[in-house]
Amino acid sequence: MYYLFGTLMTQYGSASLNHGQRKGNVSPLQKAKWHNKIHSVVNSDAIRWSLRYYWQQQGYPVNRNWNGDEFRNNLLDDRYDPVKFIDDDVLGYLRTEAARSEVVEEVNENDSDNEENEQPQPRPSQRLGALGVNRAFSLTPFDGGVTFNSKSGEKDRTSLHFIEFHNTRYQYVFGLDCNHLKDKSRIFQVLEGLMSIRKVGGHNNVFCYDFSPESMVFRWTENSSPDIFYCFEQLETRPGVYAEPSISNNLTESVNLGDVDPDELWIGGKIAKNCELKNAHIFPGKRDTISELETVIARDLKIPKPATKK
């Protein structure tokens, strides 16, 4: 049984409106406490949406197709099919009428008058996804950046529009249970999507933030515990000034103590330049990292390695 875990760190950029909602004439960022400081946050649902949208753009069969004109997902098959659709397999599904159906079934079971005349409603189908994604936290605390725009033409009290922004990188984590996939070769399409997603911020093109990874740490293992989550840090050298991102001391200590086998680690991107984890697979190039990891995955799962895209 194999698992793929990862922590991905995005490019540095100016993030705005990452949750796709507005409050009046203010577009706030989501925020949460992280190590007792306020950081900006990108919701995991936005990341999952972006992954599915990438598959749709690439022509992979997805059950929920995003319609940009109507700003909604269109469901192709309400019966769902994890064999046919990659998103049903990787991300799972749940029919929202489940609660109502369960109530109807419980009433039928306890109502003796209707017991002989009515058949209990079948429970709706649902499936846990093979892929779990957790929210992205900014590497640096939120500094309260706000800008404003004014609409053209005649002005009124709603003309000004205030926008929160954060110049930062984000790190987020994922875990993939390969044994739960109906089609194990889809692990390669998960990796492909995670390396390529862009439209996370608000599902629109008003702001453009590059959410593809600048650096990444993967763990390919038979251990069901990841032990590498949120393993990037950006330390403050003096008030308001931060060093370049680095691998956290927690991961280094886990390797040195023998809790994480360095041979299970694939580290790639700019972070590799100063990484000195002995016996880990370290590559300065992102493509080389993914290619070498795919080779090992294909060997262990006994599936063909996908052809390299140019």
C-alpha atoms as a PDB file:
ATOM      1  CA  MET A   1       0.000   0.000   0.000  1.00  0.00           C
ATOM      2  CA  TYR A   2       1.506   3.281  -1.117  1.00  0.00           C
ATOM      3  CA  TYR A   3       0.781   6.885  -0.252  1.00  0.00           C
ATOM      4  CA  LEU A   4       1.915  10.129  -1.805  1.00  0.00           C
ATOM      5  CA  PHE A   5       2.206  13.146   0.478  1.00  0.00           C
ATOM      6  CA  GLY A   6       3.400  16.596  -0.387  1.00  0.00           C
ATOM      7  CA  THR A   7       3.933  20.178   0.679  1.00  0.00           C
ATOM      8  CA  LEU A   8       3.953  22.706  -2.163  1.00  0.00           C
ATOM      9  CA  MET A   9       5.157  26.313  -1.939  1.00  0.00           C
ATOM     10  CA  THR A  10       3.928  28.818  -4.505  1.00  0.00           C
ATOM     11  CA  GLN A  11       5.701  31.588  -6.335  1.00  0.00           C
ATOM     12  CA  TYR A  12       6.035  35.007  -4.687  1.00  0.00           C
ATOM     13  CA  GLY A  13       3.260  37.322  -5.758  1.00  0.00           C
ATOM     14  CA  SER A  14       0.528  39.738  -4.769  1.00  0.00           C
ATOM     15  CA  ALA A  15      -2.597  37.836  -3.712  1.00  0.00           C
ATOM     16  CA  SER A  16      -6.068  39.415  -3.688  1.00  0.00           C
ATOM     17  CA  LEU A  17      -9.662  38.162  -3.506  1.00  0.00           C
ATOM     18  CA  ASN A  18      -8.609  34.543  -3.040  1.00  0.00           C
ATOM     19  CA  HIS A  19     -12.043  33.374  -1.878  1.00  0.00           C
ATOM     20  CA  GLY A  20     -14.163  34.725  -4.718  1.00  0.00           C
ATOM     21  CA  GLN A  21     -16.566  36.729  -2.534  1.00  0.00           C
ATOM     22  CA  ARG A  22     -17.064  40.396  -1.719  1.00  0.00           C
ATOM     23  CA  LYS A  23     -18.524  42.194   1.281  1.00  0.00           C
ATOM     24  CA  GLY A  24     -20.145  45.353  -0.057  1.00  0.00           C
ATOM     25  CA  ASN A  25     -17.445  47.483  -1.616  1.00  0.00           C
ATOM     26  CA  VAL A  26     -14.659  45.608   0.221  1.00  0.00           C
ATOM     27  CA  SER A  27     -12.840  42.515  -1.093  1.00  0.00           C
ATOM     28  CA  PRO A  28     -11.157  40.953   1.964  1.00  0.00           C
ATOM     29  CA  LEU A  29      -8.661  38.140   2.111  1.00  0.00           C
ATOM     30  CA  GLN A  30      -9.413  35.107   4.227  1.00  0.00           C
ATOM     31  CA  LYS A  31      -7.220  35.130   7.318  1.00  0.00           C
ATOM     32  CA  ALA A  32      -6.461  32.794  10.218  1.00  0.00           C
ATOM     33  CA  LYS A  33      -3.971  32.430  13.049  1.00  0.00           C
ATOM     34  CA  TRP A  34      -0.840  30.439  12.273  1.00  0.00           C
ATOM     35  CA  HIS A  35       1.807  30.111  15.001  1.00  0.00           C
ATOM     36  CA  ASN A  36      -0.045  32.839  16.928  1.00  0.00           C
ATOM     37  CA  LYS A  37       0.175  35.374  14.092  1.00  0.00           C
ATOM     38  CA  ILE A  38      -2.446  36.387  11.519  1.00  0.00           C
ATOM     39  CA  HIS A  39      -1.736  34.931   8.068  1.00  0.00           C
ATOM     40  CA  SER A  40      -3.720  35.111   4.851  1.00  0.00           C
ATOM     41  CA  VAL A  41      -5.324  31.847   3.779  1.00  0.00           C
ATOM     42  CA  VAL A  42      -6.495  30.165   0.581  1.00  0.00           C
ATOM     43  CA  ASN A  43      -9.321  27.701   1.098  1.00  0.00           C
ATOM     44  CA  SER A  44      -8.713  24.052   0.206  1.00  0.00           C
ATOM     45  CA  ASP A  45     -11.949  23.991  -1.805  1.00  0.00           C
ATOM     46  CA  ALA A  46     -10.510  26.661  -4.104  1.00  0.00           C
ATOM     47  CA  ILE A  47      -7.441  24.484  -4.693  1.00  0.00           C
ATOM     48  CA  ARG A  48      -9.583  21.426  -5.421  1.00  0.00           C
ATOM     49  CA  TRP A  49     -11.731  23.503  -7.795  1.00  0.00           C
ATOM     50  CA  SER A  50      -8.601  24.611  -9.640  1.00  0.00           C
ATOM     51  CA  LEU A  51      -7.360  21.052  -9.940  1.00  0.00           C
ATOM     52  CA  ARG A  52     -10.650  19.911 -11.439  1.00  0.00           C
ATOM     53  CA  TYR A  53     -10.730  22.907 -13.793  1.00  0.00           C
ATOM     54  CA  TYR A  54      -7.223  22.056 -15.022  1.00  0.00           C
ATOM     55  CA  TRP A  55      -8.356  18.497 -15.822  1.00  0.00           C
ATOM     56  CA  GLN A  56     -11.344  19.893 -17.684  1.00  0.00           C
ATOM     57  CA  GLN A  57      -9.109  22.173 -19.763  1.00  0.00           C
ATOM     58  CA  GLN A  58      -6.813  19.267 -20.603  1.00  0.00           C
ATOM     59  CA  GLY A  59      -9.698  17.126 -21.840  1.00  0.00           C
ATOM     60  CA  TYR A  60      -9.740  14.585 -19.003  1.00  0.00           C
ATOM     61  CA  PRO A  61     -13.265  13.255 -18.253  1.00  0.00           C
ATOM     62  CA  VAL A  62     -14.697  15.266 -15.343  1.00  0.00           C
ATOM     63  CA  ASN A  63     -18.231  14.945 -14.032  1.00  0.00           C
ATOM     64  CA  ARG A  64     -18.508  18.562 -12.875  1.00  0.00           C
ATOM     65  CA  ASN A  65     -17.758  20.955 -15.724  1.00  0.00           C
ATOM     66  CA  TRP A  66     -17.150  24.608 -14.935  1.00  0.00           C
ATOM     67  CA  ASN A  67     -19.202  27.068 -17.000  1.00  0.00           C
ATOM     68  CA  GLY A  68     -17.470  30.432 -16.853  1.00  0.00           C
ATOM     69  CA  ASP A  69     -20.415  32.287 -18.419  1.00  0.00           C
ATOM     70  CA  GLU A  70     -22.881  31.012 -15.811  1.00  0.00           C
ATOM     71  CA  PHE A  71     -20.269  30.879 -13.024  1.00  0.00           C
ATOM     72  CA  ARG A  72     -21.322  27.403 -11.930  1.00  0.00           C
ATOM     73  CA  ASN A  73     -20.430  23.727 -12.147  1.00  0.00           C
ATOM     74  CA  ASN A  74     -22.642  21.613 -14.408  1.00  0.00           C
ATOM     75  CA  LEU A  75     -23.042  17.985 -13.319  1.00  0.00           C
ATOM     76  CA  LEU A  76     -22.981  15.532 -16.233  1.00  0.00           C
ATOM     77  CA  ASP A  77     -24.092  12.353 -14.415  1.00  0.00           C
ATOM     78  CA  ASP A  78     -25.944  12.563 -11.092  1.00  0.00           C
ATOM     79  CA  ARG A  79     -25.311   8.860 -10.514  1.00  0.00           C
ATOM     80  CA  TYR A  80     -21.557   9.530 -10.453  1.00  0.00           C
ATOM     81  CA  ASP A  81     -18.963   7.123 -11.775  1.00  0.00           C
ATOM     82  CA  PRO A  82     -15.440   6.955 -10.290  1.00  0.00           C
ATOM     83  CA  VAL A  83     -14.337   4.624 -13.076  1.00  0.00           C
ATOM     84  CA  LYS A  84     -15.369   7.007 -15.850  1.00  0.00           C
ATOM     85  CA  PHE A  85     -14.718  10.417 -14.235  1.00  0.00           C
ATOM     86  CA  ILE A  86     -11.381  11.439 -12.764  1.00  0.00           C
ATOM     87  CA  ASP A  87     -12.902  13.929 -10.324  1.00  0.00           C
ATOM     88  CA  ASP A  88     -15.355  11.354  -8.951  1.00  0.00           C
ATOM     89  CA  ASP A  89     -12.414   9.010  -8.405  1.00  0.00           C
ATOM     90  CA  VAL A  90      -9.809  11.423  -7.021  1.00  0.00           C
ATOM     91  CA  LEU A  91     -11.973  14.007  -5.229  1.00  0.00           C
ATOM     92  CA  GLY A  92     -14.992  11.905  -4.287  1.00  0.00           C
ATOM     93  CA  TYR A  93     -18.628  12.971  -4.196  1.00  0.00           C
ATOM     94  CA  LEU A  94     -21.683  13.276  -1.944  1.00  0.00           C
ATOM     95  CA  ARG A  95     -25.296  13.764  -2.943  1.00  0.00           C
ATOM     96  CA  THR A  96     -26.648  16.707  -0.987  1.00  0.00           C
ATOM     97  CA  GLU A  97     -30.089  15.095  -0.600  1.00  0.00           C
ATOM     98  CA  ALA A  98     -28.507  12.414   1.618  1.00  0.00           C
ATOM     99  CA  ALA A  99     -29.860  13.862   4.863  1.00  0.00           C
ATOM    100  CA  ARG A 100     -33.425  14.031   3.524  1.00  0.00           C
ATOM    101  CA  SER A 101     -33.306  10.450   2.218  1.00  0.00           C
ATOM    102  CA  GLU A 102     -32.035   9.143   5.542  1.00  0.00           C
ATOM    103  CA  VAL A 103     -34.865  10.893   7.392  1.00  0.00           C
ATOM    104  CA  VAL A 104     -37.454   9.368   5.051  1.00  0.00           C
ATOM    105  CA  GLU A 105     -35.949   5.931   5.566  1.00  0.00           C
ATOM    106  CA  GLU A 106     -35.943   6.301   9.344  1.00  0.00           C
ATOM    107  CA  VAL A 107     -39.623   7.367   9.347  1.00  0.00           C
ATOM    108  CA  ASN A 108     -40.579   4.393   7.198  1.00  0.00           C
ATOM    109  CA  GLU A 109     -38.771   1.986   9.490  1.00  0.00           C
ATOM    110  CA  ASN A 110     -40.495   3.269  12.647  1.00  0.00           C
ATOM    111  CA  ASP A 111     -44.006   3.837  11.254  1.00  0.00           C
ATOM    112  CA  SER A 112     -45.866   0.526  11.606  1.00  0.00           C
ATOM    113  CA  ASP A 113     -48.850   1.811   9.603  1.00  0.00           C
ATOM    114  CA  ASN A 114     -46.716   2.411   6.541  1.00  0.00           C
ATOM    115  CA  GLU A 115     -44.353  -0.498   7.023  1.00  0.00           C
ATOM    116  CA  GLU A 116     -46.213  -2.855   4.714  1.00  0.00           C
ATOM    117  CA  ASN A 117     -47.237  -0.285   2.121  1.00  0.00           C
ATOM    118  CA  GLU A 118     -44.077   1.784   1.600  1.00  0.00           C
ATOM    119  CA  GLN A 119     -40.602   0.715   0.702  1.00  0.00           C
ATOM    120  CA  PRO A 120     -37.708   2.588   2.378  1.00  0.00           C
ATOM    121  CA  GLN A 121     -35.918   5.037   0.143  1.00  0.00           C
ATOM    122  CA  PRO A 122     -32.471   3.856  -0.974  1.00  0.00           C
ATOM    123  CA  ARG A 123     -29.563   5.650   0.619  1.00  0.00           C
ATOM    124  CA  PRO A 124     -27.771   8.005  -1.765  1.00  0.00           C
ATOM    125  CA  SER A 125     -24.365   7.080  -3.059  1.00  0.00           C
ATOM    126  CA  GLN A 126     -21.289   8.806  -1.716  1.00  0.00           C
ATOM    127  CA  ARG A 127     -17.554   8.264  -1.941  1.00  0.00           C
ATOM    128  CA  LEU A 128     -14.592   9.610  -0.070  1.00  0.00           C
ATOM    129  CA  GLY A 129     -11.964  11.001  -2.378  1.00  0.00           C
ATOM    130  CA  ALA A 130      -8.522   9.493  -2.637  1.00  0.00           C
ATOM    131  CA  LEU A 131      -6.999  12.987  -2.446  1.00  0.00           C
ATOM    132  CA  GLY A 132      -7.075  15.227   0.589  1.00  0.00           C
ATOM    133  CA  VAL A 133      -5.993  18.878   0.343  1.00  0.00           C
ATOM    134  CA  ASN A 134      -5.527  21.257   3.244  1.00  0.00           C
ATOM    135  CA  ARG A 135      -5.747  25.053   3.176  1.00  0.00           C
ATOM    136  CA  ALA A 136      -2.814  27.170   2.091  1.00  0.00           C
ATOM    137  CA  PHE A 137      -1.187  29.530   4.600  1.00  0.00           C
ATOM    138  CA  SER A 138       0.975  32.482   3.699  1.00  0.00           C
ATOM    139  CA  LEU A 139       4.615  32.034   4.626  1.00  0.00           C
ATOM    140  CA  THR A 140       4.742  35.529   6.113  1.00  0.00           C
ATOM    141  CA  PRO A 141       2.143  37.157   8.412  1.00  0.00           C
ATOM    142  CA  PHE A 142      -0.487  39.417   6.859  1.00  0.00           C
ATOM    143  CA  ASP A 143       0.753  43.016   6.900  1.00  0.00           C
ATOM    144  CA  GLY A 144      -2.596  44.716   6.376  1.00  0.00           C
ATOM    145  CA  GLY A 145      -2.121  45.781   2.758  1.00  0.00           C
ATOM    146  CA  VAL A 146      -5.141  47.616   1.312  1.00  0.00           C
ATOM    147  CA  THR A 147      -5.591  49.426  -1.971  1.00  0.00           C
ATOM    148  CA  PHE A 148      -8.639  50.995  -3.574  1.00  0.00           C
ATOM    149  CA  ASN A 149     -10.095  51.614  -6.991  1.00  0.00           C
ATOM    150  CA  SER A 150     -12.788  53.980  -8.204  1.00  0.00           C
ATOM    151  CA  LYS A 151     -15.248  53.210 -10.953  1.00  0.00           C
ATOM    152  CA  SER A 152     -15.194  55.409 -14.021  1.00  0.00           C
ATOM    153  CA  GLY A 153     -17.920  57.857 -14.912  1.00  0.00           C
ATOM    154  CA  GLU A 154     -20.348  59.417 -12.449  1.00  0.00           C
ATOM    155  CA  LYS A 155     -19.369  58.865  -8.814  1.00  0.00           C
ATOM    156  CA  ASP A 156     -21.564  58.003  -5.829  1.00  0.00           C
ATOM    157  CA  ARG A 157     -21.073  56.496  -2.358  1.00  0.00           C
ATOM    158  CA  THR A 158     -20.405  53.070  -3.861  1.00  0.00           C
ATOM    159  CA  SER A 159     -17.730  54.252  -6.300  1.00  0.00           C
ATOM    160  CA  LEU A 160     -14.752  53.309  -4.136  1.00  0.00           C
ATOM    161  CA  HIS A 161     -13.815  49.649  -3.934  1.00  0.00           C
ATOM    162  CA  PHE A 162     -11.308  48.615  -1.262  1.00  0.00           C
ATOM    163  CA  ILE A 163      -9.152  45.541  -1.885  1.00  0.00           C
ATOM    164  CA  GLU A 164      -6.959  43.685   0.605  1.00  0.00           C
ATOM    165  CA  PHE A 165      -3.748  42.231  -0.825  1.00  0.00           C
ATOM    166  CA  HIS A 166      -0.784  40.303   0.496  1.00  0.00           C
ATOM    167  CA  ASN A 167       2.636  40.077  -1.135  1.00  0.00           C
ATOM    168  CA  THR A 168       3.730  36.606  -0.108  1.00  0.00           C
ATOM    169  CA  ARG A 169       4.114  32.923  -0.928  1.00  0.00           C
ATOM    170  CA  TYR A 170       1.713  30.197   0.185  1.00  0.00           C
ATOM    171  CA  GLN A 171       2.314  26.620   1.257  1.00  0.00           C
ATOM    172  CA  TYR A 172      -0.333  23.904   1.220  1.00  0.00           C
ATOM    173  CA  VAL A 173      -0.355  20.161   1.725  1.00  0.00           C
ATOM    174  CA  PHE A 174      -1.998  17.103   0.203  1.00  0.00           C
ATOM    175  CA  GLY A 175      -2.245  13.386   0.798  1.00  0.00           C
ATOM    176  CA  LEU A 176      -3.153  10.785  -1.836  1.00  0.00           C
ATOM    177  CA  ASP A 177      -4.155   7.227  -0.973  1.00  0.00           C
ATOM    178  CA  CYS A 178      -3.231   5.343  -4.141  1.00  0.00           C
ATOM    179  CA  ASN A 179      -5.022   2.216  -2.954  1.00  0.00           C
ATOM    180  CA  HIS A 180      -8.355   4.039  -3.021  1.00  0.00           C
ATOM    181  CA  LEU A 181      -8.072   5.012  -6.684  1.00  0.00           C
ATOM    182  CA  LYS A 182     -10.188   3.047  -9.129  1.00  0.00           C
ATOM    183  CA  ASP A 183      -7.561   3.850 -11.749  1.00  0.00           C
ATOM    184  CA  LYS A 184      -4.104   4.039 -10.177  1.00  0.00           C
ATOM    185  CA  SER A 185      -2.620   5.717 -13.250  1.00  0.00           C
ATOM    186  CA  ARG A 186      -4.558   8.855 -12.278  1.00  0.00           C
ATOM    187  CA  ILE A 187      -1.854   9.577  -9.739  1.00  0.00           C
ATOM    188  CA  PHE A 188       0.122  11.022 -12.647  1.00  0.00           C
ATOM    189  CA  GLN A 189      -2.740  13.344 -13.583  1.00  0.00           C
ATOM    190  CA  VAL A 190      -2.918  14.505  -9.963  1.00  0.00           C
ATOM    191  CA  LEU A 191       0.771  15.392 -10.058  1.00  0.00           C
ATOM    192  CA  GLU A 192       0.359  17.036 -13.454  1.00  0.00           C
ATOM    193  CA  GLY A 193      -2.505  19.156 -12.167  1.00  0.00           C
ATOM    194  CA  LEU A 194      -0.795  20.192  -8.940  1.00  0.00           C
ATOM    195  CA  MET A 195       2.206  21.366 -10.941  1.00  0.00           C
ATOM    196  CA  SER A 196       0.076  23.390 -13.342  1.00  0.00           C
ATOM    197  CA  ILE A 197      -2.913  24.950 -11.558  1.00  0.00           C
ATOM    198  CA  ARG A 198      -3.218  28.721 -11.761  1.00  0.00           C
ATOM    199  CA  LYS A 199      -6.800  29.915 -11.295  1.00  0.00           C
ATOM    200  CA  VAL A 200      -7.172  29.619  -7.537  1.00  0.00           C
ATOM    201  CA  GLY A 201      -7.776  33.243  -6.563  1.00  0.00           C
ATOM    202  CA  GLY A 202     -11.500  33.873  -6.787  1.00  0.00           C
ATOM    203  CA  HIS A 203     -12.115  31.764  -9.919  1.00  0.00           C
ATOM    204  CA  ASN A 204     -11.784  34.885 -12.076  1.00  0.00           C
ATOM    205  CA  ASN A 205      -9.261  36.876 -14.060  1.00  0.00           C
ATOM    206  CA  VAL A 206      -9.506  40.160 -12.180  1.00  0.00           C
ATOM    207  CA  PHE A 207      -6.330  39.222 -10.310  1.00  0.00           C
ATOM    208  CA  CYS A 208      -3.681  36.771 -11.439  1.00  0.00           C
ATOM    209  CA  TYR A 209      -1.643  34.911  -8.846  1.00  0.00           C
ATOM    210  CA  ASP A 210       0.673  32.085  -9.896  1.00  0.00           C
ATOM    211  CA  PHE A 211      -0.287  29.118  -7.740  1.00  0.00           C
ATOM    212  CA  SER A 212       2.027  26.643  -9.448  1.00  0.00           C
ATOM    213  CA  PRO A 213       4.798  25.512  -7.081  1.00  0.00           C
ATOM    214  CA  GLU A 214       8.150  27.225  -6.883  1.00  0.00           C
ATOM    215  CA  SER A 215       9.388  24.465  -4.577  1.00  0.00           C
ATOM    216  CA  MET A 216       8.027  21.159  -3.392  1.00  0.00           C
ATOM    217  CA  VAL A 217       8.644  18.284  -0.981  1.00  0.00           C
ATOM    218  CA  PHE A 218       7.073  14.903  -1.757  1.00  0.00           C
ATOM    219  CA  ARG A 219       7.091  11.705   0.246  1.00  0.00           C
ATOM    220  CA  TRP A 220       6.387   8.425  -1.542  1.00  0.00           C
ATOM    221  CA  THR A 221       5.950   5.849   1.186  1.00  0.00           C
ATOM    222  CA  GLU A 222       4.151   2.808   2.534  1.00  0.00           C
ATOM    223  CA  ASN A 223       3.735   4.660   5.820  1.00  0.00           C
ATOM    224  CA  SER A 224       0.231   6.088   6.219  1.00  0.00           C
ATOM    225  CA  SER A 225       1.500   9.114   8.208  1.00  0.00           C
ATOM    226  CA  PRO A 226       2.955  12.016   6.184  1.00  0.00           C
ATOM    227  CA  ASP A 227       5.383  13.668   8.678  1.00  0.00           C
ATOM    228  CA  ILE A 228       6.274  16.350   6.095  1.00  0.00           C
ATOM    229  CA  PHE A 229       3.286  18.687   6.166  1.00  0.00           C
ATOM    230  CA  TYR A 230       3.872  22.467   6.159  1.00  0.00           C
ATOM    231  CA  CYS A 231       7.617  21.913   6.064  1.00  0.00           C
ATOM    232  CA  PHE A 232       8.579  25.327   4.646  1.00  0.00           C
ATOM    233  CA  GLU A 233       9.365  28.378   6.727  1.00  0.00           C
ATOM    234  CA  GLN A 234      10.442  31.964   6.117  1.00  0.00           C
ATOM    235  CA  LEU A 235      12.163  33.357   9.187  1.00  0.00           C
ATOM    236  CA  GLU A 236      12.079  37.001  10.207  1.00  0.00           C
ATOM    237  CA  THR A 237      15.609  38.424  10.362  1.00  0.00           C
ATOM    238  CA  ARG A 238      14.475  41.797  11.709  1.00  0.00           C
ATOM    239  CA  PRO A 239      11.044  43.438  12.073  1.00  0.00           C
ATOM    240  CA  GLY A 240       9.270  43.242   8.718  1.00  0.00           C
ATOM    241  CA  VAL A 241      12.257  41.686   6.903  1.00  0.00           C
ATOM    242  CA  TYR A 242      12.327  37.975   6.056  1.00  0.00           C
ATOM    243  CA  ALA A 243      14.996  35.568   4.875  1.00  0.00           C
ATOM    244  CA  GLU A 244      14.531  33.382   1.820  1.00  0.00           C
ATOM    245  CA  PRO A 245      12.254  30.345   2.365  1.00  0.00           C
ATOM    246  CA  SER A 246      13.884  27.197   3.686  1.00  0.00           C
ATOM    247  CA  ILE A 247      13.108  23.649   4.784  1.00  0.00           C
ATOM    248  CA  SER A 248      11.865  23.716   8.362  1.00  0.00           C
ATOM    249  CA  ASN A 249      13.945  22.391  11.232  1.00  0.00           C
ATOM    250  CA  ASN A 250      11.106  20.004  12.092  1.00  0.00           C
ATOM    251  CA  LEU A 251      11.587  18.039   8.866  1.00  0.00           C
ATOM    252  CA  THR A 252      15.371  18.053   9.200  1.00  0.00           C
ATOM    253  CA  GLU A 253      15.106  16.718  12.758  1.00  0.00           C
ATOM    254  CA  SER A 254      12.607  14.030  11.694  1.00  0.00           C
ATOM    255  CA  VAL A 255      15.091  12.801   9.091  1.00  0.00           C
ATOM    256  CA  ASN A 256      18.070  12.969  11.458  1.00  0.00           C
ATOM    257  CA  LEU A 257      16.159  11.082  14.154  1.00  0.00           C
ATOM    258  CA  GLY A 258      15.164   8.341  11.719  1.00  0.00           C
ATOM    259  CA  ASP A 259      11.439   9.095  11.809  1.00  0.00           C
ATOM    260  CA  VAL A 260      11.423   9.880   8.076  1.00  0.00           C
ATOM    261  CA  ASP A 261      13.479   7.844   5.622  1.00  0.00           C
ATOM    262  CA  PRO A 262      15.277  10.389   3.381  1.00  0.00           C
ATOM    263  CA  ASP A 263      15.112   7.894   0.502  1.00  0.00           C
ATOM    264  CA  GLU A 264      11.334   8.484   0.499  1.00  0.00           C
ATOM    265  CA  LEU A 265      11.744  12.242  -0.051  1.00  0.00           C
ATOM    266  CA  TRP A 266      11.761  14.081  -3.385  1.00  0.00           C
ATOM    267  CA  ILE A 267      12.694  17.744  -3.048  1.00  0.00           C
ATOM    268  CA  GLY A 268      12.604  20.051  -6.035  1.00  0.00           C
ATOM    269  CA  GLY A 269      12.591  23.651  -7.180  1.00  0.00           C
ATOM    270  CA  LYS A 270      14.465  26.668  -5.856  1.00  0.00           C
ATOM    271  CA  ILE A 271      14.483  25.271  -2.328  1.00  0.00           C
ATOM    272  CA  ALA A 272      16.876  22.537  -3.509  1.00  0.00           C
ATOM    273  CA  LYS A 273      19.735  25.037  -3.852  1.00  0.00           C
ATOM    274  CA  ASN A 274      20.457  25.144  -0.120  1.00  0.00           C
ATOM    275  CA  CYS A 275      18.986  21.793   0.899  1.00  0.00           C
ATOM    276  CA  GLU A 276      21.421  19.343   2.495  1.00  0.00           C
ATOM    277  CA  LEU A 277      19.273  16.379   3.494  1.00  0.00           C
ATOM    278  CA  LYS A 278      21.586  13.438   2.939  1.00  0.00           C
ATOM    279  CA  ASN A 279      20.194  10.560   0.809  1.00  0.00           C
ATOM    280  CA  ALA A 280      17.082  12.518  -0.177  1.00  0.00           C
ATOM    281  CA  HIS A 281      16.329  12.898  -3.908  1.00  0.00           C
ATOM    282  CA  ILE A 282      17.070  16.571  -4.567  1.00  0.00           C
ATOM    283  CA  PHE A 283      16.639  18.289  -7.942  1.00  0.00           C
ATOM    284  CA  PRO A 284      16.930  22.002  -8.778  1.00  0.00           C
ATOM    285  CA  GLY A 285      14.479  21.565 -11.653  1.00  0.00           C
ATOM    286  CA  LYS A 286      10.773  20.917 -11.046  1.00  0.00           C
ATOM    287  CA  ARG A 287      10.375  18.786 -14.180  1.00  0.00           C
ATOM    288  CA  ASP A 288      13.312  16.578 -13.207  1.00  0.00           C
ATOM    289  CA  THR A 289      11.813  16.108  -9.748  1.00  0.00           C
ATOM    290  CA  ILE A 290       8.465  14.981 -11.125  1.00  0.00           C
ATOM    291  CA  SER A 291      10.022  12.764 -13.794  1.00  0.00           C
ATOM    292  CA  GLU A 292      12.192  10.884 -11.316  1.00  0.00           C
ATOM    293  CA  LEU A 293       9.317  10.532  -8.862  1.00  0.00           C
ATOM    294  CA  GLU A 294       7.020   9.206 -11.606  1.00  0.00           C
ATOM    295  CA  THR A 295       9.623   6.586 -12.495  1.00  0.00           C
ATOM    296  CA  VAL A 296       9.584   5.195  -8.956  1.00  0.00           C
ATOM    297  CA  ILE A 297       5.778   5.404  -8.708  1.00  0.00           C
ATOM    298  CA  ALA A 298       5.362   3.506 -11.990  1.00  0.00           C
ATOM    299  CA  ARG A 299       7.779   0.824 -10.765  1.00  0.00           C
ATOM    300  CA  ASP A 300       6.095   0.355  -7.380  1.00  0.00           C
ATOM    301  CA  LEU A 301       2.513   0.412  -8.685  1.00  0.00           C
ATOM    302  CA  LYS A 302       3.442  -1.636 -11.758  1.00  0.00           C
ATOM    303  CA  ILE A 303       1.826   0.817 -14.174  1.00  0.00           C
ATOM    304  CA  PRO A 304       3.278   2.532 -17.264  1.00  0.00           C
ATOM    305  CA  LYS A 305       4.985   5.857 -16.776  1.00  0.00           C
ATOM    306  CA  PRO A 306       3.266   8.600 -18.816  1.00  0.00           C
ATOM    307  CA  ALA A 307       5.023  10.098 -21.795  1.00  0.00           C
ATOM    308  CA  THR A 308       6.771  13.374 -21.100  1.00  0.00           C
ATOM    309  CA  LYS A 309       4.798  16.401 -22.279  1.00  0.00           C
ATOM    310  CA  LYS A 310       6.709  18.969 -24.282  1.00  0.00           C
END
